[in-house]
Amino acid sequence: MNSNDDCSDETEIFDAIVVGGGPGGSTTASLIARDGNRVLLLEAETFPRYQIGESLLPSTIHGVCALLGVDDQLREAGFPVKRGGTFKWGANPEPWTFAFETSRNLPGPVSHAYQVERMKFDKILLDNAEKLGVDVRYNHSATGVVRDDDGRIAGVTYRDTTQQTRTATARFVVDASGSGSRLHNEVGGRREYSPFFRNLALFGYFEGAKRLPAPNSGNILCVAFDAGWFWFIPLSDTLTSVGVVVKHEMAAEIQGDPAEALEKLIAKCPLISDHLDGARRVEEGPYGQLRVRKDYSYDRTSIWAPGMCLVGDAAVFIDPVFSSGVHLSTYSGMLAARTINSVLAGDIAEEAGWQEFEFRYRHEFALFRDFVTAFYEMHVDEDSYFWQARKIAGQPGDAKAAFAELVGGVAGLDFARPDLDSPEGNTTDLVRAAAALTSVTTNSDEDGTCPVPEDTSPVVIGALSAMVPHSAKHDAAFTDRLAVSPDGLRWC
C-alpha cells in the first residue's frame, strides 16, 4: 500500500469507505450496509449543517427514500408538499403550472415530493445510515487515497478530530463529497464546465413571503425575467428560499454587494417582488447569510476507476431549474451501491458493474442536461416545452405527462413503467406495477427473469416499483443491460 500522507496508528479495514455524508453518501453507505457489508463514512462537518438544494423530486421520495426505509419519517417531518411546479417562463406572459399526477408513473399517493430544509433532511438520511450499521464519523476529513501495488485504489487517508492522519482500507471507495471534492481527480479524466451554463446563483431566505393559491401552495415557483430567473421555494408556513440565477458577467456586481444586488434584481422581477411584499430577509442563524455559487454546471470524462467511483456533485451537476441535484445524488448512490454489493458478493465482475453504473448515471444526467438546455429557449410557450420533454425522454403519448415524468425524475431507465396497453396499465397501485414488472431484461434466470420472492413485503415492493428497470420493449437501448435484484440492492 502507498499514499501521499504519513499516517499514524494502525490501519482499519472495511468493505467500503464513503467520503461525504450528504444524500449521495448516506444513500450509498446505507444500501451497502443493508446488504451485510462493513461501511465507514467520513463526514468533514457536524450535522445538522446548512446545504442548498431544497426542492426534491417524487423519484427520490417514493423510490430511493422508500428503499432506504425513511419514507415514513419524511412524511411525518411536516415538510411542505410539492405537487408540481409553477413557472412564468417562455413566451406565455402568464404563469403556468404542471402537476406530477399528470404522469401515469406518479399516480395518487406518489404524485408529490417535498420542499425540505436540508439540515433536517440530510440528518434523517445520515441517522438512518447509522441505524443500518454504517460507522459514521463526523469531523473526519479525507485527505487522499491509498493504492495497492498494482495502482488500484484501496482506501483513504483522513484526519480525525484530533487532526491526526490515519489510514483506512477497503475494496471500494466512494467519493460523495460534493463539488469541492479533493478526491475526484483520483479516478482520472477531468471535470468539464458547461460553456452554455456559465451562470451564478445568489440566494438567501425570507420570512413572511406570500404563497401560491392552494393546492399549489407548496410548489416551487420559477420566474424568468430579463436578467435571468428566480426560484421561490416554501420551506415552512413562513420560511422561503429565494435565489436568482444570472449570467457569469454579473459576478463582480453580485460579489461586490450581494444584498444590494439581490434587492435590485428582485425589483426587476414583478412577480417575485409581489410575493416578497411585506416579507423580511433572514439575517441571523444558518439562513442569515447571502450565498453565491458560480460555474456549477459540469460533467466529468471519468466517474470511476478500479476500486473507486464518484457520486452526486463530486461527479456531475446541472443547472438547478428542475431541482435535479438531490435526485442525481441519491440515484447515483443507489447505482454505486448495487455495483459494490454485487462485486463483493461475487455476482459480477467489477468492470461490468461499473459499466452498468456509468451507463445508467450518464443516461439520467443527459435527460436533465438536454432538457434544461432546451428549456432555456425563451421564445416558445409551454406546449413546446412539453413536446421537447416527450422527444428527449422518448416517451409516447401525452406531451404534458412526458414533461411531468421527466422533471419528476421518472423518465429514465430505472422507473417501472406499466404496459399502458394492458388492463393493469392504468393502475394507481405501484405495488401491483412492481409485482408485474420485476420480470424484465436480465441474465439471472434461465427464463430471463428476476422474480420477486414470495416473502417480499409490500413495503419493499413499493420501493422497488420506483426503481426497478422497466420492460425492454419500452427502450431498445436497455436490452443488454443488467437487471435489479428484487430487494433493489444488487444487479442480477
Protein backbone atom coordinates (compact mmCIF):
# COMPACT_ATOMS: atom_id res chain seq x y z
CA MET A 1 0.00 0.00 0.00
CA ASN A 2 1.14 3.54 -0.65
CA SER A 3 -0.21 7.03 -0.02
CA ASN A 4 1.00 10.61 -0.06
CA ASP A 5 0.47 11.16 3.67
CA ASP A 6 2.43 10.00 6.69
CA CYS A 7 -0.14 8.09 8.74
CA SER A 8 -0.22 7.27 12.41
CA ASP A 9 -1.69 4.30 14.24
CA GLU A 10 -2.91 1.07 12.73
CA THR A 11 -4.90 0.70 9.53
CA GLU A 12 -8.60 -0.13 9.74
CA ILE A 13 -10.21 -2.45 7.17
CA PHE A 14 -13.72 -2.09 5.69
CA ASP A 15 -15.65 -3.41 2.72
CA ALA A 16 -16.40 0.13 1.52
CA ILE A 17 -15.46 3.66 2.51
CA VAL A 18 -17.77 6.55 1.63
CA VAL A 19 -16.48 10.12 1.75
CA GLY A 20 -19.24 12.65 2.44
CA GLY A 21 -22.47 12.39 4.43
CA GLY A 22 -24.88 14.25 2.17
CA PRO A 23 -27.77 12.47 0.41
CA GLY A 24 -25.49 10.73 -2.11
CA GLY A 25 -23.10 9.48 0.54
CA SER A 26 -25.73 8.40 3.06
CA THR A 27 -27.69 6.59 0.33
CA THR A 28 -24.62 4.71 -0.90
CA ALA A 29 -23.45 3.77 2.58
CA SER A 30 -26.92 2.70 3.75
CA LEU A 31 -27.57 0.40 0.83
CA ILE A 32 -24.13 -1.21 1.05
CA ALA A 33 -24.62 -1.80 4.77
CA ARG A 34 -28.10 -3.21 4.19
CA ASP A 35 -26.51 -5.94 2.11
CA GLY A 36 -24.41 -7.03 5.08
CA ASN A 37 -21.18 -5.17 4.35
CA ARG A 38 -18.99 -3.14 6.71
CA VAL A 39 -19.01 0.54 5.76
CA LEU A 40 -17.09 3.57 7.01
CA LEU A 41 -18.49 7.03 6.23
CA LEU A 42 -16.26 10.07 6.73
CA GLU A 43 -18.05 13.41 7.05
CA ALA A 44 -15.98 16.59 7.34
CA GLU A 45 -18.63 18.57 9.24
CA THR A 46 -21.02 18.12 12.14
CA PHE A 47 -24.70 17.57 11.40
CA PRO A 48 -27.06 19.29 11.15
CA ARG A 49 -25.32 21.67 8.77
CA TYR A 50 -26.55 24.08 6.08
CA GLN A 51 -26.86 22.96 2.47
CA ILE A 52 -28.69 24.25 -0.60
CA GLY A 53 -30.82 22.02 -2.83
CA GLU A 54 -34.17 22.04 -1.07
CA SER A 55 -36.73 21.09 -3.71
CA LEU A 56 -36.99 17.32 -4.12
CA LEU A 57 -38.48 15.05 -6.81
CA PRO A 58 -41.01 12.21 -6.42
CA SER A 59 -38.41 9.69 -7.63
CA THR A 60 -36.27 10.50 -4.60
CA ILE A 61 -39.08 10.35 -2.05
CA HIS A 62 -41.01 7.33 -3.31
CA GLY A 63 -38.09 5.48 -4.89
CA VAL A 64 -34.73 5.83 -3.16
CA CYS A 65 -36.03 7.03 0.22
CA ALA A 66 -38.54 4.19 0.33
CA LEU A 67 -35.70 1.76 -0.41
CA LEU A 68 -33.74 3.34 2.44
CA GLY A 69 -36.71 2.97 4.77
CA VAL A 70 -37.09 6.67 5.63
CA ASP A 71 -40.26 7.50 3.69
CA ASP A 72 -42.40 7.37 6.83
CA GLN A 73 -40.01 9.71 8.66
CA LEU A 74 -40.16 12.17 5.78
CA ARG A 75 -43.94 12.04 5.74
CA GLU A 76 -44.03 12.77 9.47
CA ALA A 77 -41.45 15.58 9.32
CA GLY A 78 -44.02 18.16 8.21
CA PHE A 79 -42.19 19.27 5.08
CA PRO A 80 -44.32 21.29 2.60
CA VAL A 81 -45.88 19.06 -0.05
CA LYS A 82 -44.73 19.77 -3.60
CA ARG A 83 -47.38 18.69 -6.12
CA GLY A 84 -45.59 20.10 -9.16
CA GLY A 85 -44.19 23.43 -10.24
CA THR A 86 -45.36 26.86 -11.32
CA PHE A 87 -43.43 28.77 -13.98
CA LYS A 88 -43.52 32.18 -15.50
CA TRP A 89 -41.28 31.14 -18.34
CA GLY A 90 -41.16 31.35 -22.12
CA ALA A 91 -43.43 33.24 -24.49
CA ASN A 92 -46.56 32.93 -22.34
CA PRO A 93 -46.83 36.13 -20.26
CA GLU A 94 -48.92 34.33 -17.63
CA PRO A 95 -47.68 31.80 -15.05
CA TRP A 96 -48.41 28.16 -15.88
CA THR A 97 -48.43 25.07 -13.68
CA PHE A 98 -47.73 21.39 -14.14
CA ALA A 99 -48.70 18.59 -11.75
CA PHE A 100 -46.80 15.36 -11.14
CA GLU A 101 -50.08 13.45 -11.14
CA THR A 102 -50.28 14.06 -14.90
CA SER A 103 -47.81 11.19 -15.27
CA ARG A 104 -49.12 7.62 -15.09
CA ASN A 105 -45.86 6.76 -13.35
CA LEU A 106 -46.83 9.09 -10.48
CA PRO A 107 -50.41 8.25 -9.58
CA GLY A 108 -52.32 9.03 -6.39
CA PRO A 109 -50.21 8.77 -3.23
CA VAL A 110 -46.87 9.13 -5.06
CA SER A 111 -47.79 12.22 -7.09
CA HIS A 112 -45.85 14.58 -4.86
CA ALA A 113 -42.47 15.35 -3.36
CA TYR A 114 -41.37 17.67 -0.53
CA GLN A 115 -39.65 21.00 -0.10
CA VAL A 116 -37.11 20.33 2.64
CA GLU A 117 -34.74 22.13 4.91
CA ARG A 118 -31.59 20.25 4.08
CA MET A 119 -30.31 20.48 7.65
CA LYS A 120 -33.26 18.28 8.66
CA PHE A 121 -33.48 16.08 5.56
CA ASP A 122 -29.77 15.22 5.39
CA LYS A 123 -29.70 14.35 9.10
CA ILE A 124 -32.66 11.98 8.70
CA LEU A 125 -30.77 10.13 5.98
CA LEU A 126 -27.45 10.01 7.82
CA ASP A 127 -29.04 8.98 11.13
CA ASN A 128 -30.71 6.18 9.20
CA ALA A 129 -27.33 5.08 7.85
CA GLU A 130 -26.05 4.74 11.41
CA LYS A 131 -29.12 2.68 12.34
CA LEU A 132 -28.32 0.37 9.44
CA GLY A 133 -24.83 -0.22 10.83
CA VAL A 134 -22.71 2.36 8.96
CA ASP A 135 -19.74 3.62 11.00
CA VAL A 136 -20.38 7.37 10.65
CA ARG A 137 -17.55 9.66 11.77
CA TYR A 138 -18.22 13.38 11.91
CA ASN A 139 -15.41 15.96 11.68
CA HIS A 140 -13.27 13.46 9.79
CA SER A 141 -11.82 14.76 6.51
CA ALA A 142 -10.47 12.55 3.75
CA THR A 143 -7.09 13.81 2.55
CA GLY A 144 -6.11 11.32 -0.14
CA VAL A 145 -6.43 7.80 -1.46
CA VAL A 146 -4.38 4.68 -0.82
CA ARG A 147 -3.33 2.48 -3.74
CA ASP A 148 -2.13 -1.08 -3.74
CA ASP A 149 0.98 -2.29 -5.54
CA ASP A 150 -0.95 -2.57 -8.82
CA GLY A 151 -2.20 1.03 -8.60
CA ARG A 152 -5.75 0.09 -7.69
CA ILE A 153 -7.46 2.45 -5.23
CA ALA A 154 -7.72 0.53 -1.96
CA GLY A 155 -8.54 3.02 0.77
CA VAL A 156 -8.16 6.58 2.03
CA THR A 157 -6.11 8.70 4.35
CA TYR A 158 -8.05 11.04 6.61
CA ARG A 159 -7.70 13.45 9.51
CA ASP A 160 -9.64 12.66 12.65
CA THR A 161 -10.98 15.03 15.31
CA THR A 162 -7.50 15.37 16.83
CA GLN A 163 -6.02 16.26 13.42
CA GLN A 164 -4.06 13.00 13.35
CA THR A 165 -3.69 11.49 9.88
CA ARG A 166 -4.90 7.92 9.70
CA THR A 167 -5.48 5.22 7.10
CA ALA A 168 -8.46 3.02 6.32
CA THR A 169 -8.53 0.42 3.56
CA ALA A 170 -11.43 -1.14 1.68
CA ARG A 171 -12.32 -2.95 -1.51
CA PHE A 172 -14.15 0.19 -2.64
CA VAL A 173 -14.02 3.94 -2.08
CA VAL A 174 -16.95 6.19 -2.98
CA ASP A 175 -16.39 9.93 -3.26
CA ALA A 176 -19.65 11.68 -2.36
CA SER A 177 -18.02 14.83 -1.02
CA GLY A 178 -19.65 17.30 -3.41
CA SER A 179 -18.43 19.87 -5.88
CA GLY A 180 -15.49 20.79 -3.65
CA SER A 181 -14.17 17.23 -3.62
CA ARG A 182 -10.45 16.76 -3.01
CA LEU A 183 -10.53 13.23 -4.40
CA HIS A 184 -12.42 13.36 -7.69
CA ASN A 185 -9.27 13.57 -9.83
CA GLU A 186 -8.12 10.20 -8.46
CA VAL A 187 -10.38 8.36 -10.93
CA GLY A 188 -8.59 10.03 -13.85
CA GLY A 189 -10.14 12.18 -16.52
CA ARG A 190 -11.12 15.79 -15.97
CA ARG A 191 -14.02 17.97 -14.92
CA GLU A 192 -15.55 19.89 -17.83
CA TYR A 193 -17.61 23.00 -17.12
CA SER A 194 -20.53 23.75 -19.40
CA PRO A 195 -19.98 26.80 -21.64
CA PHE A 196 -23.76 27.07 -22.04
CA PHE A 197 -24.48 27.28 -18.30
CA ARG A 198 -21.82 29.78 -17.24
CA ASN A 199 -24.18 31.12 -14.62
CA LEU A 200 -24.03 32.07 -10.99
CA ALA A 201 -26.65 31.96 -8.27
CA LEU A 202 -27.25 34.41 -5.43
CA PHE A 203 -29.64 33.24 -2.73
CA GLY A 204 -30.99 33.90 0.75
CA TYR A 205 -34.06 33.34 2.92
CA PHE A 206 -37.15 35.33 3.76
CA GLU A 207 -39.79 35.20 6.50
CA GLY A 208 -43.41 36.09 5.79
CA ALA A 209 -43.49 35.78 1.99
CA LYS A 210 -46.75 35.07 0.17
CA ARG A 211 -47.78 31.62 -1.07
CA LEU A 212 -49.33 30.37 -4.28
CA PRO A 213 -53.04 29.53 -4.01
CA ALA A 214 -53.96 26.05 -2.72
CA PRO A 215 -53.50 23.26 -3.63
CA ASN A 216 -50.24 24.52 -5.14
CA SER A 217 -49.02 26.48 -2.14
CA GLY A 218 -46.10 24.06 -1.73
CA ASN A 219 -44.98 24.27 -5.36
CA ILE A 220 -41.68 25.70 -6.42
CA LEU A 221 -42.17 28.96 -8.33
CA CYS A 222 -39.65 29.73 -11.09
CA VAL A 223 -39.84 33.13 -12.75
CA ALA A 224 -37.80 34.22 -15.76
CA PHE A 225 -37.03 37.90 -16.30
CA ASP A 226 -34.61 39.97 -18.37
CA ALA A 227 -31.54 39.33 -16.20
CA GLY A 228 -32.10 35.62 -15.54
CA TRP A 229 -34.57 33.71 -13.36
CA PHE A 230 -35.68 33.38 -9.73
CA TRP A 231 -36.54 30.36 -7.64
CA PHE A 232 -39.03 30.69 -4.79
CA ILE A 233 -39.28 27.61 -2.53
CA PRO A 234 -41.58 27.45 0.51
CA LEU A 235 -39.76 25.61 3.32
CA SER A 236 -42.42 26.12 6.01
CA ASP A 237 -45.53 28.21 6.56
CA THR A 238 -43.29 31.26 6.93
CA LEU A 239 -39.75 30.49 5.65
CA THR A 240 -38.92 30.76 1.94
CA SER A 241 -35.74 30.06 -0.02
CA VAL A 242 -35.27 32.72 -2.70
CA GLY A 243 -32.48 32.67 -5.26
CA VAL A 244 -31.64 34.27 -8.56
CA VAL A 245 -29.63 32.73 -11.40
CA VAL A 246 -27.87 35.19 -13.72
CA LYS A 247 -25.11 35.18 -16.29
CA HIS A 248 -21.49 34.97 -15.22
CA GLU A 249 -20.92 38.54 -16.43
CA MET A 250 -22.75 39.85 -13.36
CA ALA A 251 -20.28 38.23 -10.97
CA ALA A 252 -18.44 41.41 -9.99
CA GLU A 253 -21.67 43.29 -9.27
CA ILE A 254 -23.11 40.48 -7.15
CA GLN A 255 -19.95 39.70 -5.21
CA GLY A 256 -19.30 43.38 -4.55
CA ASP A 257 -22.52 43.93 -2.57
CA PRO A 258 -24.74 40.83 -2.58
CA ALA A 259 -27.53 42.40 -0.52
CA GLU A 260 -27.85 45.42 -2.80
CA ALA A 261 -27.61 43.24 -5.90
CA LEU A 262 -30.39 40.93 -4.69
CA GLU A 263 -32.63 43.86 -3.80
CA LYS A 264 -32.18 45.37 -7.26
CA LEU A 265 -32.83 42.08 -9.03
CA ILE A 266 -35.99 41.47 -7.02
CA ALA A 267 -37.23 44.92 -8.04
CA LYS A 268 -36.74 43.96 -11.70
CA CYS A 269 -38.96 40.86 -11.35
CA PRO A 270 -42.55 41.97 -10.53
CA LEU A 271 -43.95 38.52 -9.66
CA ILE A 272 -41.20 37.76 -7.15
CA SER A 273 -41.35 41.32 -5.83
CA ASP A 274 -45.08 40.89 -5.23
CA HIS A 275 -44.59 37.57 -3.40
CA LEU A 276 -41.97 39.20 -1.17
CA ASP A 277 -44.04 42.30 -0.43
CA GLY A 278 -44.00 42.66 3.36
CA ALA A 279 -41.52 39.83 3.84
CA ARG A 280 -38.29 40.18 5.85
CA ARG A 281 -34.95 38.77 4.78
CA VAL A 282 -33.45 36.48 7.41
CA GLU A 283 -30.18 37.96 8.68
CA GLU A 284 -29.24 35.66 11.56
CA GLY A 285 -28.58 31.97 12.12
CA PRO A 286 -27.79 29.44 9.38
CA TYR A 287 -30.19 31.16 6.96
CA GLY A 288 -28.89 34.66 7.63
CA GLN A 289 -26.09 34.68 5.07
CA LEU A 290 -26.44 35.58 1.42
CA ARG A 291 -24.58 32.94 -0.58
CA VAL A 292 -23.15 32.83 -4.10
CA ARG A 293 -22.45 29.78 -6.27
CA LYS A 294 -20.82 30.09 -9.69
CA ASP A 295 -19.75 27.81 -12.56
CA TYR A 296 -21.75 24.96 -11.07
CA SER A 297 -22.76 23.05 -14.21
CA TYR A 298 -20.18 20.41 -15.14
CA ASP A 299 -19.57 16.84 -16.27
CA ARG A 300 -16.56 14.53 -15.95
CA THR A 301 -14.84 12.43 -18.57
CA SER A 302 -14.32 9.66 -15.97
CA ILE A 303 -16.52 8.84 -13.00
CA TRP A 304 -14.94 5.58 -11.86
CA ALA A 305 -11.66 3.69 -11.72
CA PRO A 306 -10.89 0.24 -10.31
CA GLY A 307 -11.77 0.44 -6.63
CA MET A 308 -13.44 3.85 -6.70
CA CYS A 309 -16.38 5.84 -8.08
CA LEU A 310 -17.84 9.33 -7.85
CA VAL A 311 -21.47 10.03 -6.99
CA GLY A 312 -23.56 13.18 -6.80
CA ASP A 313 -21.91 16.57 -7.17
CA ALA A 314 -18.44 15.03 -6.98
CA ALA A 315 -19.21 13.64 -10.43
CA VAL A 316 -21.67 15.92 -12.25
CA PHE A 317 -24.07 18.80 -11.73
CA ILE A 318 -26.50 20.66 -13.96
CA ASP A 319 -28.34 23.99 -13.73
CA PRO A 320 -30.90 23.81 -10.85
CA VAL A 321 -34.05 24.91 -12.70
CA PHE A 322 -35.56 21.41 -12.35
CA SER A 323 -34.15 20.69 -8.88
CA SER A 324 -32.28 17.61 -10.07
CA GLY A 325 -29.32 17.80 -7.67
CA VAL A 326 -30.55 15.55 -4.84
CA HIS A 327 -32.22 13.24 -7.35
CA LEU A 328 -28.96 12.65 -9.24
CA SER A 329 -27.03 12.28 -5.97
CA THR A 330 -29.29 9.67 -4.42
CA TYR A 331 -29.84 7.88 -7.73
CA SER A 332 -26.11 7.59 -8.40
CA GLY A 333 -25.56 6.46 -4.81
CA MET A 334 -28.09 3.68 -5.31
CA LEU A 335 -26.38 2.61 -8.55
CA ALA A 336 -22.95 2.62 -6.90
CA ALA A 337 -24.24 0.52 -4.00
CA ARG A 338 -25.68 -2.07 -6.40
CA THR A 339 -22.33 -2.42 -8.16
CA ILE A 340 -20.32 -2.64 -4.94
CA ASN A 341 -22.71 -5.13 -3.34
CA SER A 342 -22.71 -7.31 -6.45
CA VAL A 343 -18.93 -7.38 -6.75
CA LEU A 344 -18.41 -8.02 -3.04
CA ALA A 345 -20.86 -10.93 -3.29
CA GLY A 346 -19.01 -12.35 -6.28
CA ASP A 347 -22.06 -12.00 -8.54
CA ILE A 348 -20.42 -9.96 -11.31
CA ALA A 349 -17.03 -8.69 -12.43
CA GLU A 350 -16.09 -5.22 -11.23
CA GLU A 351 -15.75 -3.72 -14.70
CA ALA A 352 -19.23 -4.93 -15.70
CA GLY A 353 -20.67 -3.39 -12.55
CA TRP A 354 -19.07 -0.01 -13.11
CA GLN A 355 -20.13 -0.01 -16.74
CA GLU A 356 -23.75 -0.50 -15.64
CA PHE A 357 -23.34 2.26 -13.06
CA GLU A 358 -21.92 4.65 -15.63
CA PHE A 359 -24.44 3.81 -18.36
CA ARG A 360 -27.47 4.49 -16.16
CA TYR A 361 -25.97 7.51 -14.39
CA ARG A 362 -24.95 9.23 -17.61
CA HIS A 363 -28.31 8.43 -19.21
CA GLU A 364 -30.16 10.09 -16.32
CA PHE A 365 -27.84 13.09 -16.28
CA ALA A 366 -28.23 13.51 -20.05
CA LEU A 367 -32.02 13.62 -19.77
CA PHE A 368 -31.84 16.63 -17.47
CA ARG A 369 -28.91 18.29 -19.27
CA ASP A 370 -30.58 18.09 -22.67
CA PHE A 371 -33.96 19.21 -21.42
CA VAL A 372 -32.60 22.10 -19.36
CA THR A 373 -30.75 23.25 -22.47
CA ALA A 374 -33.99 23.18 -24.47
CA PHE A 375 -35.85 24.88 -21.61
CA TYR A 376 -33.65 27.97 -21.86
CA GLU A 377 -35.24 28.75 -25.23
CA MET A 378 -37.45 31.63 -24.09
CA HIS A 379 -39.30 32.37 -27.33
CA VAL A 380 -41.67 29.40 -27.18
CA ASP A 381 -44.62 28.57 -24.95
CA GLU A 382 -45.16 25.72 -22.50
CA ASP A 383 -46.65 23.42 -25.14
CA SER A 384 -43.29 23.49 -26.91
CA TYR A 385 -41.53 22.57 -23.66
CA PHE A 386 -43.93 19.66 -23.18
CA TRP A 387 -43.22 18.44 -26.71
CA GLN A 388 -39.45 18.74 -26.14
CA ALA A 389 -39.76 16.65 -22.97
CA ARG A 390 -41.56 13.91 -24.89
CA LYS A 391 -38.91 13.98 -27.61
CA ILE A 392 -35.90 13.93 -25.27
CA ALA A 393 -37.32 11.23 -22.99
CA GLY A 394 -38.53 9.17 -25.96
CA GLN A 395 -42.00 8.96 -24.45
CA PRO A 396 -45.12 8.14 -26.44
CA GLY A 397 -48.48 9.67 -25.63
CA ASP A 398 -49.36 12.90 -23.88
CA ALA A 399 -46.64 15.55 -24.01
CA LYS A 400 -47.64 17.20 -20.73
CA ALA A 401 -47.39 13.83 -19.00
CA ALA A 402 -43.92 13.36 -20.51
CA PHE A 403 -42.90 16.72 -19.05
CA ALA A 404 -44.15 15.67 -15.60
CA GLU A 405 -42.30 12.35 -15.86
CA LEU A 406 -39.02 13.94 -16.87
CA VAL A 407 -38.98 16.68 -14.22
CA GLY A 408 -40.34 14.21 -11.65
CA GLY A 409 -37.27 12.02 -12.17
CA VAL A 410 -39.22 9.04 -13.51
CA ALA A 411 -38.47 9.20 -17.24
CA GLY A 412 -35.20 7.27 -17.04
CA LEU A 413 -34.18 3.63 -17.15
CA ASP A 414 -34.86 2.79 -13.52
CA PHE A 415 -38.51 3.62 -13.12
CA ALA A 416 -41.03 0.84 -13.68
CA ARG A 417 -43.44 1.58 -16.49
CA PRO A 418 -46.71 -0.29 -16.64
CA ASP A 419 -47.71 -1.61 -20.03
CA LEU A 420 -50.19 1.08 -20.98
CA ASP A 421 -51.96 -1.32 -23.35
CA SER A 422 -52.71 -3.84 -20.60
CA PRO A 423 -55.63 -3.83 -18.14
CA GLU A 424 -53.11 -3.06 -15.38
CA GLY A 425 -51.74 -0.09 -17.29
CA ASN A 426 -53.89 2.46 -15.51
CA THR A 427 -53.33 1.11 -12.02
CA THR A 428 -52.81 3.61 -9.23
CA ASP A 429 -51.19 0.89 -7.13
CA LEU A 430 -47.41 0.96 -7.57
CA VAL A 431 -47.19 -2.27 -5.63
CA ARG A 432 -49.09 -4.02 -8.44
CA ALA A 433 -46.87 -2.30 -11.01
CA ALA A 434 -43.74 -3.55 -9.26
CA ALA A 435 -45.06 -7.08 -8.97
CA ALA A 436 -45.92 -7.10 -12.68
CA LEU A 437 -42.66 -5.60 -13.85
CA THR A 438 -39.93 -7.22 -11.80
CA SER A 439 -39.62 -9.84 -14.57
CA VAL A 440 -37.56 -7.82 -17.01
CA THR A 441 -34.39 -7.99 -19.05
CA THR A 442 -31.88 -9.99 -17.12
CA ASN A 443 -29.32 -12.72 -17.33
CA SER A 444 -30.07 -14.06 -13.87
CA ASP A 445 -32.55 -16.90 -14.54
CA GLU A 446 -33.00 -19.31 -17.41
CA ASP A 447 -36.23 -17.65 -18.46
CA GLY A 448 -34.67 -14.19 -18.40
CA THR A 449 -36.46 -13.01 -15.28
CA CYS A 450 -35.51 -11.79 -11.85
CA PRO A 451 -38.60 -12.86 -9.89
CA VAL A 452 -39.99 -11.42 -6.67
CA PRO A 453 -39.56 -13.90 -3.82
CA GLU A 454 -42.71 -14.99 -2.04
CA ASP A 455 -41.67 -13.36 1.23
CA THR A 456 -41.01 -9.92 -0.29
CA SER A 457 -43.03 -7.45 1.76
CA PRO A 458 -45.40 -4.88 0.22
CA VAL A 459 -43.15 -2.15 1.63
CA VAL A 460 -40.12 -3.44 -0.25
CA ILE A 461 -42.12 -3.98 -3.43
CA GLY A 462 -43.50 -0.44 -3.12
CA ALA A 463 -39.97 0.92 -3.03
CA LEU A 464 -38.87 -1.29 -5.90
CA SER A 465 -41.74 -0.09 -8.02
CA ALA A 466 -40.00 3.23 -8.38
CA MET A 467 -36.56 1.85 -9.04
CA VAL A 468 -36.66 -1.49 -10.88
CA PRO A 469 -35.79 -1.50 -14.57
CA HIS A 470 -38.73 -1.39 -16.92
CA SER A 471 -39.56 -3.81 -19.70
CA ALA A 472 -37.10 -3.93 -22.56
CA LYS A 473 -39.87 -3.38 -25.08
CA HIS A 474 -40.08 0.23 -23.88
CA ASP A 475 -36.42 1.01 -24.57
CA ALA A 476 -34.30 -0.75 -27.16
CA ALA A 477 -31.10 0.53 -25.53
CA PHE A 478 -31.99 -1.43 -22.41
CA THR A 479 -31.95 -4.92 -23.88
CA ASP A 480 -28.32 -5.65 -22.99
CA ARG A 481 -28.35 -4.09 -19.53
CA LEU A 482 -28.16 -5.80 -16.18
CA ALA A 483 -31.37 -6.02 -14.18
CA VAL A 484 -32.02 -5.33 -10.49
CA SER A 485 -32.44 -7.89 -7.72
CA PRO A 486 -35.87 -7.98 -6.05
CA ASP A 487 -34.59 -6.23 -2.92
CA GLY A 488 -33.05 -3.44 -5.02
CA LEU A 489 -29.56 -3.93 -3.61
CA ARG A 490 -27.68 -5.73 -6.42
CA TRP A 491 -27.52 -6.31 -10.14
CA CYS A 492 -28.71 -9.66 -11.41
